C-alpha atoms as a PDB file:
ATOM      1  CA  MET A   1      -0.477  20.854  -9.839  1.00  0.00           C
ATOM      2  CA  PRO A   2      -1.105  21.511  -6.132  1.00  0.00           C
ATOM      3  CA  LYS A   3       1.946  21.751  -3.926  1.00  0.00           C
ATOM      4  CA  SER A   4       2.766  18.647  -1.902  1.00  0.00           C
ATOM      5  CA  GLY A   5       4.103  18.380   1.619  1.00  0.00           C
ATOM      6  CA  SER A   6       7.685  17.098   1.703  1.00  0.00           C
ATOM      7  CA  ALA A   7       9.885  17.120   4.780  1.00  0.00           C
ATOM      8  CA  PRO A   8      12.500  15.110   6.651  1.00  0.00           C
ATOM      9  CA  LEU A   9      11.295  13.420   9.819  1.00  0.00           C
ATOM     10  CA  MET A  10      11.701  15.284  13.120  1.00  0.00           C
ATOM     11  CA  GLY A  11      11.482  14.039  16.712  1.00  0.00           C
ATOM     12  CA  ARG A  12      12.287  10.518  17.909  1.00  0.00           C
ATOM     13  CA  PRO A  13      13.882   8.208  15.323  1.00  0.00           C
ATOM     14  CA  VAL A  14      11.349   5.671  14.037  1.00  0.00           C
ATOM     15  CA  ALA A  15      11.753   2.410  12.129  1.00  0.00           C
ATOM     16  CA  ILE A  16       9.783  -0.507  10.747  1.00  0.00           C
ATOM     17  CA  ILE A  17      10.638  -3.412  13.041  1.00  0.00           C
ATOM     18  CA  GLY A  18       8.242  -6.097  11.791  1.00  0.00           C
ATOM     19  CA  LEU A  19       6.737  -7.271   8.506  1.00  0.00           C
ATOM     20  CA  GLY A  20       3.823  -9.524   7.604  1.00  0.00           C
ATOM     21  CA  ALA A  21       1.948 -10.438   4.437  1.00  0.00           C
ATOM     22  CA  HIS A  22      -0.807 -12.685   3.187  1.00  0.00           C
ATOM     23  CA  VAL A  23      -2.188 -13.585  -0.228  1.00  0.00           C
ATOM     24  CA  PRO A  24      -5.237 -15.785  -0.866  1.00  0.00           C
ATOM     25  CA  GLY A  25      -4.645 -19.215  -2.325  1.00  0.00           C
ATOM     26  CA  LYS A  26      -6.934 -18.891  -5.347  1.00  0.00           C
ATOM     27  CA  VAL A  27      -5.024 -17.938  -8.510  1.00  0.00           C
ATOM     28  CA  VAL A  28      -6.801 -16.324 -11.471  1.00  0.00           C
ATOM     29  CA  THR A  29      -4.645 -16.301 -14.598  1.00  0.00           C
ATOM     30  CA  ASN A  30      -5.006 -14.084 -17.626  1.00  0.00           C
ATOM     31  CA  ASP A  31      -6.279 -17.070 -19.585  1.00  0.00           C
ATOM     32  CA  ASP A  32      -8.996 -17.581 -16.967  1.00  0.00           C
ATOM     33  CA  LEU A  33     -10.330 -14.098 -17.704  1.00  0.00           C
ATOM     34  CA  THR A  34     -10.777 -14.753 -21.402  1.00  0.00           C
ATOM     35  CA  SER A  35     -13.951 -16.722 -20.694  1.00  0.00           C
ATOM     36  CA  THR A  36     -15.810 -13.546 -19.676  1.00  0.00           C
ATOM     37  CA  LEU A  37     -13.765 -10.740 -21.231  1.00  0.00           C
ATOM     38  CA  ASP A  38     -12.690  -9.783 -24.735  1.00  0.00           C
ATOM     39  CA  THR A  39      -9.002 -10.092 -23.932  1.00  0.00           C
ATOM     40  CA  SER A  40      -5.992 -12.402 -24.087  1.00  0.00           C
ATOM     41  CA  ASP A  41      -2.964 -13.265 -22.006  1.00  0.00           C
ATOM     42  CA  GLU A  42      -0.738 -11.438 -24.485  1.00  0.00           C
ATOM     43  CA  TRP A  43      -2.919  -8.287 -24.448  1.00  0.00           C
ATOM     44  CA  ILE A  44      -2.866  -8.091 -20.637  1.00  0.00           C
ATOM     45  CA  ARG A  45       0.859  -8.821 -20.269  1.00  0.00           C
ATOM     46  CA  GLN A  46       1.889  -6.302 -22.928  1.00  0.00           C
ATOM     47  CA  ARG A  47      -0.163  -3.490 -21.389  1.00  0.00           C
ATOM     48  CA  THR A  48       0.272  -4.212 -17.683  1.00  0.00           C
ATOM     49  CA  GLY A  49       2.955  -6.827 -17.027  1.00  0.00           C
ATOM     50  CA  ILE A  50       0.427  -8.904 -15.075  1.00  0.00           C
ATOM     51  CA  ARG A  51       0.238 -12.683 -15.601  1.00  0.00           C
ATOM     52  CA  GLU A  52      -2.071 -13.649 -12.732  1.00  0.00           C
ATOM     53  CA  ARG A  53      -3.678 -12.368  -9.556  1.00  0.00           C
ATOM     54  CA  ARG A  54      -5.107 -13.764  -6.298  1.00  0.00           C
ATOM     55  CA  VAL A  55      -8.792 -13.675  -5.374  1.00  0.00           C
ATOM     56  CA  ALA A  56     -10.161 -14.202  -1.862  1.00  0.00           C
ATOM     57  CA  GLU A  57     -12.587 -17.045  -1.361  1.00  0.00           C
ATOM     58  CA  PRO A  58     -16.294 -16.149  -0.947  1.00  0.00           C
ATOM     59  CA  GLY A  59     -17.119 -14.836   2.507  1.00  0.00           C
ATOM     60  CA  LEU A  60     -13.678 -13.352   3.171  1.00  0.00           C
ATOM     61  CA  SER A  61     -13.299  -9.588   3.567  1.00  0.00           C
ATOM     62  CA  SER A  62     -10.357  -7.195   3.643  1.00  0.00           C
ATOM     63  CA  SER A  63     -10.097  -7.475   7.421  1.00  0.00           C
ATOM     64  CA  ASP A  64      -9.829 -11.270   7.208  1.00  0.00           C
ATOM     65  CA  LEU A  65      -6.760 -10.929   5.006  1.00  0.00           C
ATOM     66  CA  GLY A  66      -5.355  -8.058   7.072  1.00  0.00           C
ATOM     67  CA  ILE A  67      -5.644  -9.970  10.341  1.00  0.00           C
ATOM     68  CA  ILE A  68      -3.372 -12.731   9.051  1.00  0.00           C
ATOM     69  CA  ALA A  69      -0.744 -10.254   7.845  1.00  0.00           C
ATOM     70  CA  ALA A  70      -0.991  -8.229  11.067  1.00  0.00           C
ATOM     71  CA  ARG A  71      -0.460 -11.251  13.302  1.00  0.00           C
ATOM     72  CA  GLU A  72       2.611 -12.192  11.300  1.00  0.00           C
ATOM     73  CA  ALA A  73       4.020  -8.659  11.610  1.00  0.00           C
ATOM     74  CA  LEU A  74       3.531  -8.672  15.385  1.00  0.00           C
ATOM     75  CA  VAL A  75       5.396 -11.964  15.752  1.00  0.00           C
ATOM     76  CA  ASP A  76       8.143 -10.761  13.437  1.00  0.00           C
ATOM     77  CA  ALA A  77       8.552  -7.558  15.462  1.00  0.00           C
ATOM     78  CA  GLY A  78       8.565  -9.348  18.794  1.00  0.00           C
ATOM     79  CA  VAL A  79       5.887  -6.956  20.024  1.00  0.00           C
ATOM     80  CA  SER A  80       2.906  -8.264  21.954  1.00  0.00           C
ATOM     81  CA  PRO A  81      -0.617  -7.169  20.931  1.00  0.00           C
ATOM     82  CA  GLY A  82      -0.978  -5.364  24.253  1.00  0.00           C
ATOM     83  CA  GLN A  83       1.957  -3.097  23.399  1.00  0.00           C
ATOM     84  CA  ILE A  84       0.289  -1.722  20.277  1.00  0.00           C
ATOM     85  CA  ASP A  85      -1.026   1.797  20.874  1.00  0.00           C
ATOM     86  CA  LEU A  86      -2.700   2.367  17.503  1.00  0.00           C
ATOM     87  CA  VAL A  87      -3.849   0.260  14.552  1.00  0.00           C
ATOM     88  CA  VAL A  88      -4.119   2.021  11.185  1.00  0.00           C
ATOM     89  CA  THR A  89      -5.636   0.182   8.225  1.00  0.00           C
ATOM     90  CA  ALA A  90      -5.251   1.496   4.694  1.00  0.00           C
ATOM     91  CA  THR A  91      -7.804   0.136   2.229  1.00  0.00           C
ATOM     92  CA  ILE A  92      -9.974   1.010  -0.754  1.00  0.00           C
ATOM     93  CA  SER A  93     -12.172  -2.030  -0.038  1.00  0.00           C
ATOM     94  CA  PRO A  94     -13.192  -1.646   3.614  1.00  0.00           C
ATOM     95  CA  ASP A  95     -15.444  -4.217   5.220  1.00  0.00           C
ATOM     96  CA  ARG A  96     -18.078  -1.508   5.646  1.00  0.00           C
ATOM     97  CA  ILE A  97     -18.391   2.273   5.304  1.00  0.00           C
ATOM     98  CA  MET A  98     -18.508   2.254   9.103  1.00  0.00           C
ATOM     99  CA  PRO A  99     -17.076   1.193  11.490  1.00  0.00           C
ATOM    100  CA  ALA A 100     -13.390   1.273  10.558  1.00  0.00           C
ATOM    101  CA  THR A 101     -11.945  -1.985   9.267  1.00  0.00           C
ATOM    102  CA  ALA A 102      -9.046  -1.353  11.653  1.00  0.00           C
ATOM    103  CA  SER A 103     -11.354  -1.971  14.607  1.00  0.00           C
ATOM    104  CA  ARG A 104     -11.935  -5.595  13.643  1.00  0.00           C
ATOM    105  CA  VAL A 105      -8.255  -6.100  12.771  1.00  0.00           C
ATOM    106  CA  ALA A 106      -7.221  -4.773  16.183  1.00  0.00           C
ATOM    107  CA  HIS A 107      -9.769  -6.876  18.071  1.00  0.00           C
ATOM    108  CA  GLU A 108      -8.923 -10.124  16.296  1.00  0.00           C
ATOM    109  CA  CYS A 109      -5.208  -9.516  16.848  1.00  0.00           C
ATOM    110  CA  GLY A 110      -5.703  -8.876  20.560  1.00  0.00           C
ATOM    111  CA  CYS A 111      -4.859  -5.173  20.381  1.00  0.00           C
ATOM    112  CA  ASP A 112      -7.962  -4.324  22.401  1.00  0.00           C
ATOM    113  CA  SER A 113      -6.474  -1.285  24.160  1.00  0.00           C
ATOM    114  CA  ALA A 114      -5.286   0.322  20.911  1.00  0.00           C
ATOM    115  CA  GLY A 115      -6.881   3.173  19.047  1.00  0.00           C
ATOM    116  CA  THR A 116      -8.072   2.332  15.531  1.00  0.00           C
ATOM    117  CA  MET A 117      -8.667   4.177  12.295  1.00  0.00           C
ATOM    118  CA  ASP A 118      -8.836   3.652   8.544  1.00  0.00           C
ATOM    119  CA  VAL A 119      -7.000   5.723   5.958  1.00  0.00           C
ATOM    120  CA  SER A 120      -8.618   6.340   2.578  1.00  0.00           C
ATOM    121  CA  ALA A 121      -6.135   7.673   0.036  1.00  0.00           C
ATOM    122  CA  GLY A 122      -6.597   5.334  -2.906  1.00  0.00           C
ATOM    123  CA  CYS A 123      -3.633   3.113  -3.687  1.00  0.00           C
ATOM    124  CA  THR A 124      -1.385   5.620  -1.883  1.00  0.00           C
ATOM    125  CA  GLY A 125      -3.139   4.649   1.348  1.00  0.00           C
ATOM    126  CA  PHE A 126      -0.297   2.590   2.801  1.00  0.00           C
ATOM    127  CA  VAL A 127       2.200   5.453   2.498  1.00  0.00           C
ATOM    128  CA  TYR A 128      -0.307   7.870   4.061  1.00  0.00           C
ATOM    129  CA  ALA A 129      -1.006   5.403   6.879  1.00  0.00           C
ATOM    130  CA  LEU A 130       2.711   4.866   7.420  1.00  0.00           C
ATOM    131  CA  ALA A 131       3.265   8.627   7.602  1.00  0.00           C
ATOM    132  CA  SER A 132       0.508   8.920  10.216  1.00  0.00           C
ATOM    133  CA  ALA A 133       2.038   6.115  12.257  1.00  0.00           C
ATOM    134  CA  VAL A 134       5.552   7.494  12.029  1.00  0.00           C
ATOM    135  CA  GLY A 135       4.384  10.971  13.039  1.00  0.00           C
ATOM    136  CA  ALA A 136       2.613   9.559  16.097  1.00  0.00           C
ATOM    137  CA  VAL A 137       5.683   7.630  17.228  1.00  0.00           C
ATOM    138  CA  ALA A 138       8.173  10.388  16.411  1.00  0.00           C
ATOM    139  CA  SER A 139       6.157  12.883  18.463  1.00  0.00           C
ATOM    140  CA  GLY A 140       6.057  10.566  21.474  1.00  0.00           C
ATOM    141  CA  LEU A 141       2.270  10.188  21.305  1.00  0.00           C
ATOM    142  CA  HIS A 142       2.643   6.427  20.748  1.00  0.00           C
ATOM    143  CA  ASP A 143       5.415   3.848  21.045  1.00  0.00           C
ATOM    144  CA  HIS A 144       4.220   1.032  18.759  1.00  0.00           C
ATOM    145  CA  VAL A 145       1.817   1.357  15.817  1.00  0.00           C
ATOM    146  CA  LEU A 146       0.504  -1.455  13.619  1.00  0.00           C
ATOM    147  CA  VAL A 147      -0.063  -0.405  10.002  1.00  0.00           C
ATOM    148  CA  VAL A 148      -2.063  -2.730   7.758  1.00  0.00           C
ATOM    149  CA  GLY A 149      -2.753  -2.512   4.032  1.00  0.00           C
ATOM    150  CA  ALA A 150      -5.615  -4.906   3.267  1.00  0.00           C
ATOM    151  CA  GLU A 151      -7.641  -5.361   0.113  1.00  0.00           C
ATOM    152  CA  ALA A 152     -10.425  -7.624  -1.116  1.00  0.00           C
ATOM    153  CA  ILE A 153     -10.771  -5.555  -4.272  1.00  0.00           C
ATOM    154  CA  SER A 154     -12.332  -8.434  -6.170  1.00  0.00           C
ATOM    155  CA  ARG A 155     -15.565  -7.592  -4.331  1.00  0.00           C
ATOM    156  CA  LEU A 156     -15.635  -4.150  -5.962  1.00  0.00           C
ATOM    157  CA  LEU A 157     -14.839  -5.121  -9.547  1.00  0.00           C
ATOM    158  CA  ASP A 158     -17.194  -5.416 -12.480  1.00  0.00           C
ATOM    159  CA  TRP A 159     -15.812  -8.631 -13.937  1.00  0.00           C
ATOM    160  CA  GLU A 160     -17.254  -7.664 -17.318  1.00  0.00           C
ATOM    161  CA  ASP A 161     -15.227  -4.414 -17.406  1.00  0.00           C
ATOM    162  CA  ARG A 162     -11.856  -5.100 -19.031  1.00  0.00           C
ATOM    163  CA  SER A 163     -10.406  -1.756 -17.918  1.00  0.00           C
ATOM    164  CA  THR A 164     -10.436  -2.833 -14.262  1.00  0.00           C
ATOM    165  CA  ALA A 165     -11.024  -6.589 -14.039  1.00  0.00           C
ATOM    166  CA  VAL A 166      -7.619  -7.508 -15.474  1.00  0.00           C
ATOM    167  CA  LEU A 167      -5.675  -5.212 -13.147  1.00  0.00           C
ATOM    168  CA  PHE A 168      -6.511  -5.909  -9.523  1.00  0.00           C
ATOM    169  CA  GLY A 169      -5.951  -8.656  -6.973  1.00  0.00           C
ATOM    170  CA  ASP A 170      -6.563  -9.370  -3.295  1.00  0.00           C
ATOM    171  CA  ALA A 171      -3.814  -9.340  -0.641  1.00  0.00           C
ATOM    172  CA  ALA A 172      -2.686  -7.842   2.655  1.00  0.00           C
ATOM    173  CA  GLY A 173       0.562  -6.561   4.126  1.00  0.00           C
ATOM    174  CA  ALA A 174       1.426  -5.160   7.541  1.00  0.00           C
ATOM    175  CA  VAL A 175       4.261  -3.453   9.394  1.00  0.00           C
ATOM    176  CA  VAL A 176       4.987  -2.584  13.014  1.00  0.00           C
ATOM    177  CA  VAL A 177       6.389   0.908  13.481  1.00  0.00           C
ATOM    178  CA  SER A 178       8.342   1.704  16.661  1.00  0.00           C
ATOM    179  CA  SER A 179      10.881   4.146  18.064  1.00  0.00           C
ATOM    180  CA  THR A 180      14.547   3.251  17.753  1.00  0.00           C
ATOM    181  CA  GLU A 181      17.878   4.570  19.048  1.00  0.00           C
ATOM    182  CA  PRO A 182      19.609   7.627  17.581  1.00  0.00           C
ATOM    183  CA  GLY A 183      21.997   6.494  14.882  1.00  0.00           C
ATOM    184  CA  ALA A 184      20.101   3.293  14.102  1.00  0.00           C
ATOM    185  CA  PRO A 185      18.480   2.737  10.683  1.00  0.00           C
ATOM    186  CA  ALA A 186      15.305   4.823  10.584  1.00  0.00           C
ATOM    187  CA  ILE A 187      12.592   6.329   8.424  1.00  0.00           C
ATOM    188  CA  LEU A 188      13.973   9.599   7.063  1.00  0.00           C
ATOM    189  CA  GLY A 189      11.082  11.495   5.496  1.00  0.00           C
ATOM    190  CA  PHE A 190       7.930  11.670   3.405  1.00  0.00           C
ATOM    191  CA  ASP A 191       6.447  13.518   0.465  1.00  0.00           C
ATOM    192  CA  LEU A 192       2.634  13.506   0.366  1.00  0.00           C
ATOM    193  CA  GLY A 193       0.350  15.266  -2.067  1.00  0.00           C
ATOM    194  CA  ALA A 194      -2.948  15.248  -3.949  1.00  0.00           C
ATOM    195  CA  ASP A 195      -4.661  16.781  -6.949  1.00  0.00           C
ATOM    196  CA  GLY A 196      -8.377  16.735  -6.197  1.00  0.00           C
ATOM    197  CA  SER A 197      -9.282  17.977  -9.674  1.00  0.00           C
ATOM    198  CA  GLY A 198      -8.844  14.374 -10.797  1.00  0.00           C
ATOM    199  CA  ASP A 199     -11.107  12.778  -8.224  1.00  0.00           C
ATOM    200  CA  GLU A 200     -13.419  11.300 -10.898  1.00  0.00           C
ATOM    201  CA  ILE A 201     -10.636   9.629 -12.896  1.00  0.00           C
ATOM    202  CA  LEU A 202     -10.588   6.639 -10.540  1.00  0.00           C
ATOM    203  CA  LEU A 203     -13.543   6.061  -8.218  1.00  0.00           C
ATOM    204  CA  ILE A 204     -16.467   3.995  -7.000  1.00  0.00           C
ATOM    205  CA  PRO A 205     -19.328   6.374  -7.853  1.00  0.00           C
ATOM    206  CA  ALA A 206     -22.121   5.172  -5.558  1.00  0.00           C
ATOM    207  CA  GLY A 207     -22.599   4.095  -1.979  1.00  0.00           C
ATOM    208  CA  GLY A 208     -21.628   7.290  -0.170  1.00  0.00           C
ATOM    209  CA  SER A 209     -23.522  10.450   0.699  1.00  0.00           C
ATOM    210  CA  ARG A 210     -22.958  11.994  -2.737  1.00  0.00           C
ATOM    211  CA  LEU A 211     -24.715   9.170  -4.562  1.00  0.00           C
ATOM    212  CA  PRO A 212     -26.525   6.944  -2.041  1.00  0.00           C
ATOM    213  CA  ALA A 213     -27.420   3.383  -2.900  1.00  0.00           C
ATOM    214  CA  SER A 214     -30.655   2.979  -4.880  1.00  0.00           C
ATOM    215  CA  HIS A 215     -32.193   0.618  -7.379  1.00  0.00           C
ATOM    216  CA  GLU A 216     -30.816   2.865 -10.116  1.00  0.00           C
ATOM    217  CA  THR A 217     -27.228   2.830  -8.816  1.00  0.00           C
ATOM    218  CA  VAL A 218     -27.326  -0.952  -8.525  1.00  0.00           C
ATOM    219  CA  ASP A 219     -28.903  -1.445 -11.945  1.00  0.00           C
ATOM    220  CA  THR A 220     -26.331   0.832 -13.604  1.00  0.00           C
ATOM    221  CA  ARG A 221     -23.406  -0.871 -11.808  1.00  0.00           C
ATOM    222  CA  GLN A 222     -22.284   2.290 -10.028  1.00  0.00           C
ATOM    223  CA  HIS A 223     -21.029   0.383  -6.987  1.00  0.00           C
ATOM    224  CA  TYR A 224     -18.099  -1.023  -8.949  1.00  0.00           C
ATOM    225  CA  MET A 225     -14.758   0.628  -9.564  1.00  0.00           C
ATOM    226  CA  LYS A 226     -14.552   2.917 -12.589  1.00  0.00           C
ATOM    227  CA  MET A 227     -11.266   4.076 -14.105  1.00  0.00           C
ATOM    228  CA  ASN A 228      -9.985   6.210 -16.950  1.00  0.00           C
ATOM    229  CA  GLY A 229      -6.795   4.255 -17.567  1.00  0.00           C
ATOM    230  CA  ASN A 230      -5.165   6.760 -19.919  1.00  0.00           C
ATOM    231  CA  GLU A 231      -5.581   9.621 -17.466  1.00  0.00           C
ATOM    232  CA  VAL A 232      -4.288   7.520 -14.562  1.00  0.00           C
ATOM    233  CA  TYR A 233      -1.204   6.663 -16.627  1.00  0.00           C
ATOM    234  CA  LYS A 234      -0.563  10.327 -17.464  1.00  0.00           C
ATOM    235  CA  PHE A 235      -0.954  11.311 -13.815  1.00  0.00           C
ATOM    236  CA  ALA A 236       1.266   8.565 -12.441  1.00  0.00           C
ATOM    237  CA  THR A 237       4.107   9.058 -14.896  1.00  0.00           C
ATOM    238  CA  ARG A 238       4.022  12.785 -14.105  1.00  0.00           C
ATOM    239  CA  VAL A 239       4.118  12.608 -10.302  1.00  0.00           C
ATOM    240  CA  VAL A 240       6.122   9.512  -9.334  1.00  0.00           C
ATOM    241  CA  ALA A 241       9.603  10.697 -10.302  1.00  0.00           C
ATOM    242  CA  ALA A 242       8.933  14.255  -9.095  1.00  0.00           C
ATOM    243  CA  SER A 243       7.749  13.096  -5.663  1.00  0.00           C
ATOM    244  CA  ALA A 244      10.677  10.709  -5.304  1.00  0.00           C
ATOM    245  CA  ARG A 245      13.163  13.481  -6.105  1.00  0.00           C
ATOM    246  CA  ARG A 246      11.538  15.827  -3.580  1.00  0.00           C
ATOM    247  CA  VAL A 247      11.817  13.432  -0.660  1.00  0.00           C
ATOM    248  CA  LEU A 248      15.414  12.585  -1.577  1.00  0.00           C
ATOM    249  CA  LYS A 249      16.334  16.262  -1.754  1.00  0.00           C
ATOM    250  CA  ARG A 250      14.671  17.109   1.562  1.00  0.00           C
ATOM    251  CA  CYS A 251      16.521  14.241   3.241  1.00  0.00           C
ATOM    252  CA  GLY A 252      19.866  15.225   1.715  1.00  0.00           C
ATOM    253  CA  ARG A 253      20.237  12.048  -0.334  1.00  0.00           C
ATOM    254  CA  GLU A 254      20.820  11.272  -4.013  1.00  0.00           C
ATOM    255  CA  VAL A 255      19.053   8.895  -6.402  1.00  0.00           C
ATOM    256  CA  GLY A 256      22.324   7.007  -6.848  1.00  0.00           C
ATOM    257  CA  GLU A 257      22.316   6.117  -3.139  1.00  0.00           C
ATOM    258  CA  VAL A 258      19.009   4.223  -3.342  1.00  0.00           C
ATOM    259  CA  ASP A 259      19.543   0.489  -2.825  1.00  0.00           C
ATOM    260  CA  LEU A 260      15.941  -0.584  -3.393  1.00  0.00           C
ATOM    261  CA  PHE A 261      13.034   1.207  -5.061  1.00  0.00           C
ATOM    262  CA  VAL A 262       9.603  -0.192  -4.125  1.00  0.00           C
ATOM    263  CA  PRO A 263       6.880   1.468  -6.209  1.00  0.00           C
ATOM    264  CA  HIS A 264       3.160   0.779  -5.973  1.00  0.00           C
ATOM    265  CA  GLN A 265       2.456  -2.198  -8.220  1.00  0.00           C
ATOM    266  CA  ALA A 266      -0.122  -0.699 -10.554  1.00  0.00           C
ATOM    267  CA  ASN A 267       1.236  -1.236 -14.035  1.00  0.00           C
ATOM    268  CA  LEU A 268       4.683  -2.237 -15.313  1.00  0.00           C
ATOM    269  CA  ARG A 269       4.648   0.527 -17.922  1.00  0.00           C
ATOM    270  CA  ILE A 270       4.170   3.135 -15.190  1.00  0.00           C
ATOM    271  CA  ILE A 271       6.976   1.626 -13.134  1.00  0.00           C
ATOM    272  CA  ASP A 272       9.327   1.463 -16.127  1.00  0.00           C
ATOM    273  CA  ALA A 273       8.615   5.104 -17.016  1.00  0.00           C
ATOM    274  CA  ALA A 274       9.363   6.236 -13.444  1.00  0.00           C
ATOM    275  CA  VAL A 275      12.538   4.185 -13.252  1.00  0.00           C
ATOM    276  CA  LYS A 276      13.754   5.677 -16.516  1.00  0.00           C
ATOM    277  CA  LYS A 277      13.041   9.239 -15.356  1.00  0.00           C
ATOM    278  CA  LEU A 278      14.803   8.672 -12.041  1.00  0.00           C
ATOM    279  CA  GLY A 279      17.755   6.844 -13.545  1.00  0.00           C
ATOM    280  CA  ILE A 280      17.538   3.915 -11.118  1.00  0.00           C
ATOM    281  CA  ALA A 281      19.166   0.658 -12.234  1.00  0.00           C
ATOM    282  CA  ASP A 282      16.722  -2.141 -12.984  1.00  0.00           C
ATOM    283  CA  ASP A 283      18.319  -4.444 -10.407  1.00  0.00           C
ATOM    284  CA  LYS A 284      17.408  -1.928  -7.681  1.00  0.00           C
ATOM    285  CA  VAL A 285      13.675  -2.027  -8.490  1.00  0.00           C
ATOM    286  CA  TYR A 286      11.338  -4.521  -6.839  1.00  0.00           C
ATOM    287  CA  THR A 287       8.229  -5.741  -8.638  1.00  0.00           C
ATOM    288  CA  ASN A 288       5.796  -8.592  -8.027  1.00  0.00           C
ATOM    289  CA  LEU A 289       2.706  -7.405  -9.919  1.00  0.00           C
ATOM    290  CA  GLN A 290       3.251 -10.178 -12.453  1.00  0.00           C
ATOM    291  CA  LYS A 291       2.101 -12.602  -9.714  1.00  0.00           C
ATOM    292  CA  TYR A 292      -0.470 -10.527  -7.848  1.00  0.00           C
ATOM    293  CA  GLY A 293      -1.665  -7.663 -10.042  1.00  0.00           C
ATOM    294  CA  ASN A 294      -2.503  -4.324  -8.443  1.00  0.00           C
ATOM    295  CA  THR A 295      -3.178  -5.047  -4.759  1.00  0.00           C
ATOM    296  CA  SER A 296      -3.663  -1.356  -3.969  1.00  0.00           C
ATOM    297  CA  CYS A 297      -2.831  -0.534  -0.334  1.00  0.00           C
ATOM    298  CA  ALA A 298      -1.318  -3.990   0.170  1.00  0.00           C
ATOM    299  CA  SER A 299       1.195  -3.739  -2.663  1.00  0.00           C
ATOM    300  CA  ILE A 300       4.072  -1.937  -0.915  1.00  0.00           C
ATOM    301  CA  PRO A 301       4.141  -3.937   2.353  1.00  0.00           C
ATOM    302  CA  LEU A 302       3.716  -7.142   0.327  1.00  0.00           C
ATOM    303  CA  CYS A 303       6.744  -6.149  -1.754  1.00  0.00           C
ATOM    304  CA  LEU A 304       8.795  -5.358   1.362  1.00  0.00           C
ATOM    305  CA  SER A 305       7.978  -8.726   2.897  1.00  0.00           C
ATOM    306  CA  GLU A 306       8.903 -10.642  -0.245  1.00  0.00           C
ATOM    307  CA  ALA A 307      12.023  -8.542  -0.885  1.00  0.00           C
ATOM    308  CA  ARG A 308      13.340  -9.353   2.584  1.00  0.00           C
ATOM    309  CA  ALA A 309      12.562 -13.056   2.141  1.00  0.00           C
ATOM    310  CA  GLU A 310      14.515 -13.009  -1.130  1.00  0.00           C
ATOM    311  CA  GLY A 311      17.549 -11.318   0.445  1.00  0.00           C
ATOM    312  CA  ARG A 312      16.939  -8.012  -1.326  1.00  0.00           C
ATOM    313  CA  LEU A 313      16.922  -5.999   1.947  1.00  0.00           C
ATOM    314  CA  ALA A 314      19.994  -5.603   4.146  1.00  0.00           C
ATOM    315  CA  ASP A 315      20.559  -3.497   7.254  1.00  0.00           C
ATOM    316  CA  GLY A 316      21.539   0.009   6.250  1.00  0.00           C
ATOM    317  CA  ASP A 317      20.017  -0.159   2.762  1.00  0.00           C
ATOM    318  CA  LEU A 318      18.426   3.061   1.557  1.00  0.00           C
ATOM    319  CA  VAL A 319      14.865   2.181   0.524  1.00  0.00           C
ATOM    320  CA  LEU A 320      12.504   4.404  -1.450  1.00  0.00           C
ATOM    321  CA  LEU A 321       8.764   3.667  -1.337  1.00  0.00           C
ATOM    322  CA  MET A 322       6.386   5.305  -3.803  1.00  0.00           C
ATOM    323  CA  GLY A 323       2.591   5.212  -3.929  1.00  0.00           C
ATOM    324  CA  PHE A 324       0.014   6.838  -6.209  1.00  0.00           C
ATOM    325  CA  GLY A 325      -3.700   6.417  -6.721  1.00  0.00           C
ATOM    326  CA  ALA A 326      -7.257   7.704  -6.502  1.00  0.00           C
ATOM    327  CA  GLY A 327      -7.798  11.168  -5.179  1.00  0.00           C
ATOM    328  CA  LEU A 328      -5.576  11.753  -7.117  1.00  0.00           C
ATOM    329  CA  THR A 329      -2.915  11.158  -4.477  1.00  0.00           C
ATOM    330  CA  TRP A 330       0.771  10.406  -4.319  1.00  0.00           C
ATOM    331  CA  GLY A 331       3.230   9.665  -1.555  1.00  0.00           C
ATOM    332  CA  ALA A 332       6.923   8.840  -1.214  1.00  0.00           C
ATOM    333  CA  CYS A 333       8.824   7.576   1.808  1.00  0.00           C
ATOM    334  CA  LEU A 334      12.597   7.322   2.232  1.00  0.00           C
ATOM    335  CA  MET A 335      14.073   5.066   4.900  1.00  0.00           C
ATOM    336  CA  GLU A 336      17.212   3.326   6.011  1.00  0.00           C
ATOM    337  CA  TRP A 337      16.315  -0.331   6.405  1.00  0.00           C
ATOM    338  CA  GLY A 338      17.245  -2.255   9.522  1.00  0.00           C
ATOM    339  CA  ARG A 339      16.451  -2.954  13.114  1.00  0.00           C
ATOM    340  CA  LEU A 340      19.049  -2.503  15.829  1.00  0.00           C
ATOM    341  CA  ARG A 341      16.933  -2.644  18.960  1.00  0.00           C
ATOM    342  CA  ASP A 342      14.948  -5.055  21.108  1.00  0.00           C
ATOM    343  CA  PRO A 343      11.433  -3.603  21.587  1.00  0.00           C
ATOM    344  CA  GLY A 344      11.158  -5.372  24.923  1.00  0.00           C
ATOM    345  CA  VAL A 345       8.404  -7.940  24.626  1.00  0.00           C
ATOM    346  CA  GLU A 346       6.104  -8.111  27.585  1.00  0.00           C
ATOM    347  CA  LYS A 347       6.251 -11.419  29.404  1.00  0.00           C
ATOM    348  CA  GLY A 348       3.316 -13.405  30.660  1.00  0.00           C
END
């Protein structure tokens, strides 16, 4: 397997100071899917842990969901839109191939002086986007970065394909990343990696320059997500624990110190396998895929927002984030949770 990049954070201390999340109101249960798929509620729950998922109403895109989450994160952080230097959106379901979905998110949030870019790293996208944001703030290039994970994956699913239709849901989550004082709770480090030999295990085959749109690609349903579930499972169970251990080691911490483990919400069997390998107690693991399914780049910030609302996050807690997905990519982030500074909201 290719070597990953794992290192503790250098430069200015950086923390997440605001959270936001949004899920569409429409609920699609496992029983609902049995009308079009050869499946059952029991089959889906046993293999994935998912009971239901959310689906965006017709006409709504990933940016529409991301804008709501982003606005909530800005209010929560006490940072005005004009203070945001950069908006980074992680998504596997962008509004368009170009321009970046982040551009619309920034504009609708009032961050009109900010730079914008999208990150494409499969379901690991949020961790990659967070690493980019943290690096920019730690280096002094930026002071406040808005990171958004937004997905309207339902638009990219073949609802007659059981291997994907039962797994995914629509949602968005956002965080504001800012510098903090030395000694305050901060993001400690990252481990990022990829194995490009598996790039065809999970993909949308058509629509890019390799296989441009044509009558044939539409007729053969090549614009929908395709996945080899067994190979994804093998990959994920192999890399999650290893990546988590690397970032802990580089940051001088132990698994036993982790207060909350927030893995990407892909499949409960994958999560359980990783937890067992790491030796993390079940009560230190956060999951919500039973309610939302796999929300890809939105899953980790959505979990953080709900965990805080449920009292699962306290200042000083050691939090381990773990993503994995198409590419094949993986990414871990270790942080001390908390906010001990006033970002200084602009008046007027």
